[in-house]
Amino acid sequence: MLASDEDSVADDIEDDEALGDVCLFKSGGTMPLVTVFNLRREDRLSDVVEATRRALTSMPELAINDDEIDRVPILSPADFDGEVTRINVDLWERTERTKEALQELATRLARAFQATAGADRRVKVVIRPYDVERSGWVSL
C-alpha cells in the first residue's frame, strides 16, 4: 500500500495504547519482511515505502520481487529520542544472495532512506538471511 504524497507517517500509523504509542502498519506480501524503526512523525510514509521498494528491487540478480515485500514502519514514540533509524530486512537464503551482494543491498537501502528522509539522518540497515530448510514459516 502506498499512502498519498500528502500523508505523513503520523497519518498512516495510528497510535495504540496497548503498544505504548506505536501501532504497526503492514502492506501485503510474503517475504522479505522490512521493518523500519524510529520513523519520525514528519517522515513521508509514501516516500519511505517507495525508496525501500526501489532499493530492494535494484539488484535483479537477488530475485527480490516487488509484490513479495512486507513493510512494517514503526513510529518512534513521542517521548523517545531515537536518533538512529534502523531498517531490518529478513529474507530467504539463496545462492545468489552472497555476503557481498547483501552488503551492497544494505548500502543501497541506507542511501535510499537518507535521500528520502534527509542526508543528515542516521540509519543502520541489517539484512538477515534465513535458511528456508531450517526455518519455520507459514503464510495464511
N, C-alpha and C. Protein backbone atom coordinates (compact mmCIF):
# COMPACT_ATOMS: atom_id res chain seq x y z
N MET A 1 0.83 -1.17 0.00
CA MET A 1 0.00 0.00 0.00
C MET A 1 0.87 1.23 0.00
N LEU A 2 0.54 2.19 -0.81
CA LEU A 2 1.24 3.46 -0.82
C LEU A 2 0.28 4.53 -0.34
N ALA A 3 0.73 5.35 0.59
CA ALA A 3 -0.07 6.46 1.06
C ALA A 3 0.06 7.59 0.06
N SER A 4 -0.88 8.50 0.06
CA SER A 4 -0.77 9.64 -0.85
C SER A 4 0.43 10.50 -0.47
N ASP A 5 0.90 11.28 -1.42
CA ASP A 5 2.11 12.08 -1.18
C ASP A 5 1.94 13.08 -0.05
N GLU A 6 0.71 13.49 0.24
CA GLU A 6 0.49 14.46 1.31
C GLU A 6 0.49 13.83 2.69
N ASP A 7 0.43 12.53 2.76
CA ASP A 7 0.33 11.84 4.04
C ASP A 7 1.69 11.77 4.73
N SER A 8 1.68 11.91 6.02
CA SER A 8 2.89 11.71 6.82
C SER A 8 2.77 10.38 7.54
N VAL A 9 3.86 9.95 8.13
CA VAL A 9 3.84 8.70 8.89
C VAL A 9 2.79 8.76 9.98
N ALA A 10 2.66 9.89 10.65
CA ALA A 10 1.71 10.02 11.74
C ALA A 10 0.28 9.79 11.26
N ASP A 11 -0.01 10.12 10.00
CA ASP A 11 -1.35 9.91 9.48
C ASP A 11 -1.61 8.44 9.16
N ASP A 12 -0.56 7.68 8.83
CA ASP A 12 -0.72 6.31 8.39
C ASP A 12 -0.49 5.27 9.48
N ILE A 13 0.15 5.67 10.55
CA ILE A 13 0.39 4.76 11.67
C ILE A 13 -0.41 5.29 12.84
N GLU A 14 -1.42 4.56 13.23
CA GLU A 14 -2.26 5.01 14.32
C GLU A 14 -1.64 4.65 15.66
N ASP A 15 -1.81 5.55 16.63
CA ASP A 15 -1.34 5.26 17.98
C ASP A 15 -2.23 4.20 18.60
N ASP A 16 -1.64 3.34 19.40
CA ASP A 16 -2.37 2.28 20.06
C ASP A 16 -1.82 2.17 21.48
N GLU A 17 -2.65 2.48 22.45
CA GLU A 17 -2.18 2.48 23.84
C GLU A 17 -1.64 1.11 24.25
N ALA A 18 -2.18 0.03 23.70
CA ALA A 18 -1.72 -1.30 24.08
C ALA A 18 -0.27 -1.54 23.64
N LEU A 19 0.20 -0.81 22.64
CA LEU A 19 1.55 -0.97 22.17
C LEU A 19 2.45 0.19 22.59
N GLY A 20 2.01 0.97 23.55
CA GLY A 20 2.85 2.05 24.05
C GLY A 20 3.08 3.13 23.01
N ASP A 21 2.04 3.63 22.36
CA ASP A 21 2.11 4.72 21.41
C ASP A 21 2.64 4.29 20.04
N VAL A 22 2.70 3.00 19.79
CA VAL A 22 3.18 2.54 18.50
C VAL A 22 2.24 1.46 17.97
N CYS A 23 1.79 1.61 16.75
CA CYS A 23 0.98 0.60 16.10
C CYS A 23 1.60 0.31 14.74
N LEU A 24 1.62 -0.95 14.35
CA LEU A 24 2.26 -1.34 13.11
C LEU A 24 1.32 -1.14 11.93
N PHE A 25 1.90 -0.78 10.81
CA PHE A 25 1.20 -0.68 9.54
C PHE A 25 1.85 -1.71 8.63
N LYS A 26 1.06 -2.54 7.97
CA LYS A 26 1.64 -3.62 7.19
C LYS A 26 0.97 -3.70 5.83
N SER A 27 1.79 -3.77 4.78
CA SER A 27 1.24 -3.98 3.45
C SER A 27 1.36 -5.45 3.10
N GLY A 28 0.65 -5.87 2.10
CA GLY A 28 0.60 -7.28 1.74
C GLY A 28 1.90 -7.83 1.19
N GLY A 29 2.00 -9.15 1.16
CA GLY A 29 3.17 -9.80 0.61
C GLY A 29 3.61 -10.97 1.45
N THR A 30 4.72 -11.58 1.08
CA THR A 30 5.19 -12.76 1.80
C THR A 30 6.58 -12.57 2.37
N MET A 31 7.57 -12.28 1.55
CA MET A 31 8.95 -12.18 2.02
C MET A 31 9.70 -11.38 0.99
N PRO A 32 10.53 -10.46 1.29
CA PRO A 32 11.12 -10.21 2.60
C PRO A 32 10.26 -9.32 3.49
N LEU A 33 10.56 -9.39 4.76
CA LEU A 33 9.94 -8.52 5.75
C LEU A 33 10.90 -7.36 5.99
N VAL A 34 10.40 -6.15 5.84
CA VAL A 34 11.20 -4.95 6.04
C VAL A 34 10.59 -4.18 7.20
N THR A 35 11.32 -4.07 8.30
CA THR A 35 10.86 -3.34 9.47
C THR A 35 11.71 -2.08 9.61
N VAL A 36 11.03 -0.94 9.67
CA VAL A 36 11.73 0.34 9.79
C VAL A 36 11.36 0.94 11.14
N PHE A 37 12.34 0.99 12.06
CA PHE A 37 12.14 1.50 13.41
C PHE A 37 12.53 2.97 13.51
N ASN A 38 11.90 3.67 14.40
CA ASN A 38 12.22 5.06 14.75
C ASN A 38 11.95 6.05 13.62
N LEU A 39 10.85 5.83 12.91
CA LEU A 39 10.43 6.84 11.95
C LEU A 39 9.91 8.04 12.72
N ARG A 40 10.05 9.19 12.13
CA ARG A 40 9.57 10.42 12.74
C ARG A 40 8.20 10.78 12.18
N ARG A 41 7.45 11.50 12.96
CA ARG A 41 6.09 11.88 12.55
C ARG A 41 6.09 12.68 11.25
N GLU A 42 7.14 13.42 11.00
CA GLU A 42 7.20 14.24 9.79
C GLU A 42 7.69 13.47 8.56
N ASP A 43 8.15 12.23 8.74
CA ASP A 43 8.58 11.42 7.61
C ASP A 43 7.38 11.11 6.72
N ARG A 44 7.58 11.17 5.43
CA ARG A 44 6.51 10.88 4.48
C ARG A 44 6.52 9.39 4.17
N LEU A 45 5.54 8.69 4.67
CA LEU A 45 5.48 7.24 4.55
C LEU A 45 5.54 6.79 3.10
N SER A 46 4.81 7.44 2.23
CA SER A 46 4.79 7.02 0.83
C SER A 46 6.18 7.12 0.22
N ASP A 47 6.95 8.13 0.60
CA ASP A 47 8.32 8.27 0.08
C ASP A 47 9.24 7.19 0.65
N VAL A 48 9.09 6.88 1.92
CA VAL A 48 9.91 5.84 2.55
C VAL A 48 9.59 4.47 1.93
N VAL A 49 8.31 4.19 1.72
CA VAL A 49 7.90 2.92 1.11
C VAL A 49 8.46 2.81 -0.30
N GLU A 50 8.36 3.86 -1.09
CA GLU A 50 8.86 3.83 -2.46
C GLU A 50 10.38 3.70 -2.50
N ALA A 51 11.08 4.41 -1.65
CA ALA A 51 12.55 4.31 -1.61
C ALA A 51 12.98 2.91 -1.21
N THR A 52 12.28 2.32 -0.25
CA THR A 52 12.57 0.95 0.18
C THR A 52 12.35 -0.03 -0.96
N ARG A 53 11.24 0.12 -1.65
CA ARG A 53 10.93 -0.75 -2.78
C ARG A 53 11.99 -0.65 -3.88
N ARG A 54 12.33 0.57 -4.26
CA ARG A 54 13.33 0.76 -5.32
C ARG A 54 14.68 0.16 -4.94
N ALA A 55 15.10 0.38 -3.70
CA ALA A 55 16.40 -0.14 -3.26
C ALA A 55 16.41 -1.67 -3.25
N LEU A 56 15.35 -2.27 -2.72
CA LEU A 56 15.31 -3.73 -2.60
C LEU A 56 15.24 -4.42 -3.96
N THR A 57 14.64 -3.77 -4.94
CA THR A 57 14.50 -4.39 -6.25
C THR A 57 15.55 -3.88 -7.24
N SER A 58 16.51 -3.12 -6.76
CA SER A 58 17.52 -2.53 -7.64
C SER A 58 18.59 -3.51 -8.09
N MET A 59 18.62 -4.68 -7.50
CA MET A 59 19.59 -5.71 -7.88
C MET A 59 18.80 -6.95 -8.34
N PRO A 60 18.42 -7.01 -9.60
CA PRO A 60 17.59 -8.11 -10.09
C PRO A 60 18.18 -9.48 -9.82
N GLU A 61 19.51 -9.58 -9.76
CA GLU A 61 20.14 -10.88 -9.52
C GLU A 61 19.80 -11.46 -8.14
N LEU A 62 19.30 -10.63 -7.23
CA LEU A 62 18.93 -11.12 -5.90
C LEU A 62 17.50 -11.69 -5.86
N ALA A 63 16.77 -11.51 -6.95
CA ALA A 63 15.42 -12.07 -7.09
C ALA A 63 14.49 -11.64 -5.96
N ILE A 64 14.50 -10.34 -5.65
CA ILE A 64 13.55 -9.79 -4.67
C ILE A 64 12.43 -9.15 -5.47
N ASN A 65 11.25 -9.72 -5.36
CA ASN A 65 10.10 -9.26 -6.13
C ASN A 65 9.31 -8.20 -5.37
N ASP A 66 8.95 -7.17 -6.08
CA ASP A 66 8.22 -6.03 -5.52
C ASP A 66 6.96 -6.47 -4.78
N ASP A 67 6.21 -7.40 -5.35
CA ASP A 67 4.93 -7.80 -4.76
C ASP A 67 5.08 -8.73 -3.56
N GLU A 68 6.30 -9.12 -3.21
CA GLU A 68 6.53 -10.01 -2.07
C GLU A 68 7.03 -9.28 -0.83
N ILE A 69 7.20 -7.98 -0.91
CA ILE A 69 7.80 -7.22 0.19
C ILE A 69 6.73 -6.84 1.21
N ASP A 70 6.93 -7.24 2.46
CA ASP A 70 6.11 -6.78 3.59
C ASP A 70 6.84 -5.61 4.23
N ARG A 71 6.17 -4.49 4.36
CA ARG A 71 6.79 -3.32 5.01
C ARG A 71 6.09 -3.06 6.32
N VAL A 72 6.87 -2.87 7.37
CA VAL A 72 6.31 -2.59 8.68
C VAL A 72 7.01 -1.36 9.25
N PRO A 73 6.49 -0.16 8.97
CA PRO A 73 7.08 1.02 9.56
C PRO A 73 6.62 1.18 11.02
N ILE A 74 7.54 1.59 11.87
CA ILE A 74 7.22 1.77 13.28
C ILE A 74 7.62 3.18 13.69
N LEU A 75 6.65 3.92 14.12
CA LEU A 75 6.84 5.31 14.51
C LEU A 75 7.51 5.39 15.87
N SER A 76 8.49 6.25 16.00
CA SER A 76 9.16 6.47 17.27
C SER A 76 8.18 7.13 18.25
N PRO A 77 8.06 6.61 19.47
CA PRO A 77 7.17 7.24 20.44
C PRO A 77 7.57 8.69 20.72
N ALA A 78 6.60 9.50 21.06
CA ALA A 78 6.82 10.93 21.26
C ALA A 78 7.89 11.23 22.30
N ASP A 79 8.00 10.43 23.34
CA ASP A 79 8.95 10.73 24.41
C ASP A 79 10.27 9.99 24.25
N PHE A 80 10.52 9.39 23.10
CA PHE A 80 11.74 8.62 22.86
C PHE A 80 12.61 9.37 21.88
N ASP A 81 13.87 9.59 22.24
CA ASP A 81 14.78 10.32 21.39
C ASP A 81 15.60 9.34 20.55
N GLY A 82 14.94 8.70 19.59
CA GLY A 82 15.62 7.73 18.73
C GLY A 82 16.30 8.44 17.58
N GLU A 83 17.59 8.67 17.71
CA GLU A 83 18.32 9.40 16.68
C GLU A 83 18.63 8.54 15.47
N VAL A 84 18.67 7.22 15.65
CA VAL A 84 19.06 6.34 14.56
C VAL A 84 17.84 5.55 14.10
N THR A 85 17.57 5.62 12.81
CA THR A 85 16.53 4.78 12.23
C THR A 85 17.16 3.44 11.89
N ARG A 86 16.50 2.37 12.24
CA ARG A 86 17.03 1.04 11.96
C ARG A 86 16.10 0.34 10.99
N ILE A 87 16.70 -0.24 9.97
CA ILE A 87 15.94 -0.99 8.98
C ILE A 87 16.42 -2.43 9.02
N ASN A 88 15.52 -3.34 9.38
CA ASN A 88 15.82 -4.77 9.38
C ASN A 88 15.13 -5.41 8.19
N VAL A 89 15.88 -6.22 7.45
CA VAL A 89 15.32 -6.93 6.31
C VAL A 89 15.55 -8.42 6.54
N ASP A 90 14.47 -9.18 6.59
CA ASP A 90 14.54 -10.63 6.72
C ASP A 90 14.18 -11.23 5.37
N LEU A 91 15.04 -12.10 4.84
CA LEU A 91 14.75 -12.74 3.57
C LEU A 91 15.36 -14.12 3.52
N TRP A 92 14.85 -14.93 2.59
CA TRP A 92 15.33 -16.30 2.46
C TRP A 92 16.73 -16.33 1.88
N GLU A 93 17.52 -17.32 2.32
CA GLU A 93 18.84 -17.54 1.74
C GLU A 93 18.67 -18.05 0.31
N ARG A 94 19.54 -17.60 -0.55
CA ARG A 94 19.63 -18.10 -1.93
C ARG A 94 21.09 -18.01 -2.33
N THR A 95 21.51 -18.85 -3.23
CA THR A 95 22.93 -18.87 -3.60
C THR A 95 23.40 -17.54 -4.14
N GLU A 96 22.55 -16.82 -4.85
CA GLU A 96 22.95 -15.52 -5.41
C GLU A 96 22.99 -14.41 -4.36
N ARG A 97 22.45 -14.65 -3.20
CA ARG A 97 22.45 -13.64 -2.12
C ARG A 97 23.69 -13.83 -1.25
N THR A 98 24.82 -13.50 -1.83
CA THR A 98 26.11 -13.64 -1.15
C THR A 98 26.28 -12.53 -0.12
N LYS A 99 27.26 -12.68 0.74
CA LYS A 99 27.59 -11.65 1.73
C LYS A 99 27.85 -10.31 1.03
N GLU A 100 28.62 -10.35 -0.04
CA GLU A 100 28.96 -9.12 -0.77
C GLU A 100 27.71 -8.48 -1.38
N ALA A 101 26.85 -9.29 -1.97
CA ALA A 101 25.63 -8.76 -2.58
C ALA A 101 24.70 -8.16 -1.52
N LEU A 102 24.58 -8.84 -0.37
CA LEU A 102 23.73 -8.31 0.70
C LEU A 102 24.31 -7.03 1.30
N GLN A 103 25.63 -6.94 1.35
CA GLN A 103 26.27 -5.71 1.84
C GLN A 103 25.96 -4.55 0.89
N GLU A 104 26.04 -4.81 -0.41
CA GLU A 104 25.70 -3.78 -1.40
C GLU A 104 24.23 -3.38 -1.28
N LEU A 105 23.36 -4.36 -1.09
CA LEU A 105 21.94 -4.08 -0.93
C LEU A 105 21.69 -3.22 0.32
N ALA A 106 22.36 -3.54 1.42
CA ALA A 106 22.21 -2.76 2.65
C ALA A 106 22.64 -1.31 2.43
N THR A 107 23.74 -1.14 1.72
CA THR A 107 24.23 0.21 1.42
C THR A 107 23.23 0.98 0.58
N ARG A 108 22.68 0.34 -0.43
CA ARG A 108 21.68 0.98 -1.29
C ARG A 108 20.44 1.38 -0.49
N LEU A 109 20.03 0.49 0.40
CA LEU A 109 18.85 0.77 1.22
C LEU A 109 19.09 1.94 2.16
N ALA A 110 20.24 1.98 2.80
CA ALA A 110 20.57 3.09 3.70
C ALA A 110 20.62 4.41 2.94
N ARG A 111 21.24 4.41 1.78
CA ARG A 111 21.33 5.65 0.98
C ARG A 111 19.96 6.08 0.47
N ALA A 112 19.12 5.12 0.09
CA ALA A 112 17.77 5.46 -0.37
C ALA A 112 16.96 6.10 0.76
N PHE A 113 17.11 5.56 1.97
CA PHE A 113 16.41 6.15 3.11
C PHE A 113 16.89 7.58 3.35
N GLN A 114 18.20 7.79 3.35
CA GLN A 114 18.73 9.13 3.58
C GLN A 114 18.31 10.10 2.48
N ALA A 115 18.24 9.64 1.25
CA ALA A 115 17.81 10.50 0.15
C ALA A 115 16.36 10.94 0.34
N THR A 116 15.58 10.11 1.01
CA THR A 116 14.17 10.41 1.26
C THR A 116 13.97 11.21 2.53
N ALA A 117 14.61 10.81 3.61
CA ALA A 117 14.36 11.41 4.93
C ALA A 117 15.32 12.55 5.26
N GLY A 118 16.44 12.64 4.55
CA GLY A 118 17.41 13.69 4.81
C GLY A 118 18.81 13.11 4.95
N ALA A 119 19.76 13.74 4.30
CA ALA A 119 21.15 13.25 4.30
C ALA A 119 21.75 13.23 5.71
N ASP A 120 21.21 14.04 6.61
CA ASP A 120 21.74 14.09 7.98
C ASP A 120 21.17 13.00 8.88
N ARG A 121 20.18 12.24 8.38
CA ARG A 121 19.57 11.18 9.19
C ARG A 121 20.52 10.00 9.32
N ARG A 122 20.68 9.53 10.55
CA ARG A 122 21.49 8.34 10.80
C ARG A 122 20.61 7.12 10.61
N VAL A 123 21.18 6.10 9.95
CA VAL A 123 20.42 4.90 9.65
C VAL A 123 21.34 3.69 9.73
N LYS A 124 20.81 2.60 10.27
CA LYS A 124 21.50 1.31 10.29
C LYS A 124 20.61 0.33 9.54
N VAL A 125 21.23 -0.48 8.69
CA VAL A 125 20.50 -1.50 7.94
C VAL A 125 21.10 -2.86 8.25
N VAL A 126 20.24 -3.80 8.61
CA VAL A 126 20.67 -5.17 8.89
C VAL A 126 19.85 -6.09 7.98
N ILE A 127 20.55 -6.90 7.19
CA ILE A 127 19.88 -7.87 6.33
C ILE A 127 20.18 -9.25 6.88
N ARG A 128 19.10 -9.95 7.25
CA ARG A 128 19.24 -11.27 7.89
C ARG A 128 18.65 -12.34 6.99
N PRO A 129 19.51 -13.14 6.36
CA PRO A 129 19.00 -14.25 5.54
C PRO A 129 18.61 -15.44 6.42
N TYR A 130 17.53 -16.10 6.02
CA TYR A 130 17.04 -17.28 6.72
C TYR A 130 17.17 -18.50 5.82
N ASP A 131 17.55 -19.62 6.40
CA ASP A 131 17.62 -20.89 5.69
C ASP A 131 16.21 -21.46 5.64
N VAL A 132 15.62 -21.50 4.45
CA VAL A 132 14.26 -21.96 4.29
C VAL A 132 14.09 -23.40 4.74
N GLU A 133 15.13 -24.19 4.63
CA GLU A 133 15.06 -25.60 5.04
C GLU A 133 15.06 -25.77 6.55
N ARG A 134 15.53 -24.78 7.29
CA ARG A 134 15.63 -24.88 8.73
C ARG A 134 14.70 -23.92 9.47
N SER A 135 13.94 -23.09 8.75
CA SER A 135 13.09 -22.08 9.37
C SER A 135 11.65 -22.53 9.36
N GLY A 136 10.95 -22.25 10.45
CA GLY A 136 9.51 -22.45 10.49
C GLY A 136 8.85 -21.19 9.96
N TRP A 137 7.93 -21.35 9.05
CA TRP A 137 7.32 -20.17 8.42
C TRP A 137 6.02 -20.57 7.75
N VAL A 138 5.01 -19.73 7.85
CA VAL A 138 3.73 -20.01 7.19
C VAL A 138 3.13 -18.69 6.74
N SER A 139 2.37 -18.73 5.66
CA SER A 139 1.62 -17.58 5.18
C SER A 139 0.18 -18.04 4.98
N LEU A 140 -0.75 -17.51 5.74
CA LEU A 140 -2.16 -17.94 5.68
C LEU A 140 -3.00 -16.90 4.97
